[in-house]
């Protein structure tokens, strides 16, 4: 009887070790997704501020600087995707 209990305990320990490994992998993947979302959020905010700048220039009847706004969006987007 004691041998059966010890054997069952060993199997339970093995199962728990496998579950912990899987959880660690999932947690690592989640951290990567979280970092990517942070980068995309930053790029989106940069593009949004460039769009606001363009609207302000249009509202002020100045010649809008499209090239600068597009370049800002490209730089922000490429920087956010560079580390994937």
Protein backbone atom coordinates (compact mmCIF):
# COMPACT_ATOMS: atom_id res chain seq x y z
CA UNK A 1 0.00 0.00 0.00
CA UNK A 2 2.78 2.47 0.87
CA UNK A 3 4.45 1.71 -2.42
CA UNK A 4 1.27 2.55 -4.29
CA UNK A 5 0.96 5.85 -2.44
CA UNK A 6 4.59 6.74 -3.18
CA UNK A 7 4.17 5.80 -6.84
CA UNK A 8 1.03 7.93 -7.15
CA UNK A 9 2.80 10.84 -5.46
CA UNK A 10 5.68 10.55 -7.93
CA UNK A 11 3.25 10.59 -10.88
CA UNK A 12 1.48 13.62 -9.44
CA UNK A 13 4.81 15.41 -9.07
CA UNK A 14 5.68 14.60 -12.69
CA UNK A 15 2.31 15.91 -13.86
CA UNK A 16 2.76 19.11 -11.87
CA UNK A 17 6.23 19.63 -13.38
CA UNK A 18 4.81 19.30 -16.91
CA UNK A 19 1.99 21.74 -16.12
CA UNK A 20 4.49 24.25 -14.69
CA UNK A 21 6.67 24.02 -17.83
CA UNK A 22 3.66 24.66 -20.05
CA UNK A 23 2.56 27.57 -17.89
CA UNK A 24 6.06 29.07 -18.09
CA UNK A 25 5.99 28.84 -21.91
CA UNK A 26 2.56 30.45 -22.08
CA UNK A 27 3.68 33.20 -19.71
CA UNK A 28 6.74 33.86 -21.88
CA UNK A 29 4.59 34.10 -25.01
CA UNK A 30 2.19 36.45 -23.25
CA UNK A 31 5.08 38.71 -22.25
CA UNK A 32 6.15 38.88 -25.91
CA UNK A 33 2.64 39.77 -27.02
CA UNK A 34 2.47 42.45 -24.35
CA UNK A 35 5.77 43.98 -25.54
CA UNK A 36 4.55 43.99 -29.15
CA UNK A 37 1.30 45.69 -28.15
CA UNK A 38 3.25 48.35 -26.27
CA UNK A 39 5.36 49.04 -29.37
CA UNK A 40 2.30 49.21 -31.61
CA UNK A 41 0.59 51.55 -29.15
CA UNK A 42 3.61 53.83 -29.25
CA UNK A 43 3.66 53.80 -33.06
CA UNK A 44 -0.08 54.51 -33.20
CA UNK A 45 0.30 57.45 -30.82
CA UNK A 46 3.11 58.88 -32.96
CA UNK A 47 1.01 58.55 -36.11
CA UNK A 48 -1.95 60.08 -34.33
CA UNK A 49 0.06 63.08 -33.20
CA UNK A 50 1.34 63.50 -36.78
CA UNK A 51 -2.26 63.47 -38.00
CA UNK A 52 -3.22 66.07 -35.41
CA UNK A 53 -0.30 68.20 -36.58
CA UNK A 54 -1.53 67.95 -40.18
CA UNK A 55 -5.06 68.93 -39.17
CA UNK A 56 -3.72 71.90 -37.22
CA UNK A 57 -1.71 73.01 -40.25
CA UNK A 58 -4.75 72.69 -42.48
CA UNK A 59 -6.88 74.63 -39.99
CA UNK A 60 -4.28 77.38 -39.79
CA UNK A 61 -4.31 77.66 -43.59
CA UNK A 62 -0.65 76.78 -43.74
CA UNK A 63 0.76 74.38 -46.27
CA UNK A 64 0.65 70.99 -44.53
CA UNK A 65 3.90 69.07 -44.29
CA UNK A 66 2.71 65.67 -45.52
CA UNK A 67 6.22 64.38 -46.02
CA UNK A 68 7.14 65.00 -42.37
CA UNK A 69 3.94 63.36 -41.10
CA UNK A 70 4.38 60.28 -43.30
CA UNK A 71 8.02 59.98 -42.29
CA UNK A 72 7.07 60.17 -38.60
CA UNK A 73 4.56 57.34 -39.07
CA UNK A 74 7.06 55.20 -41.00
CA UNK A 75 9.77 55.68 -38.39
CA UNK A 76 7.40 54.88 -35.53
CA UNK A 77 6.00 51.82 -37.27
CA UNK A 78 9.37 50.42 -38.31
CA UNK A 79 10.78 51.00 -34.82
CA UNK A 80 7.85 49.21 -33.22
CA UNK A 81 8.15 46.20 -35.54
CA UNK A 82 11.95 45.97 -35.50
CA UNK A 83 12.13 43.80 -32.39
CA UNK A 84 9.53 41.15 -33.21
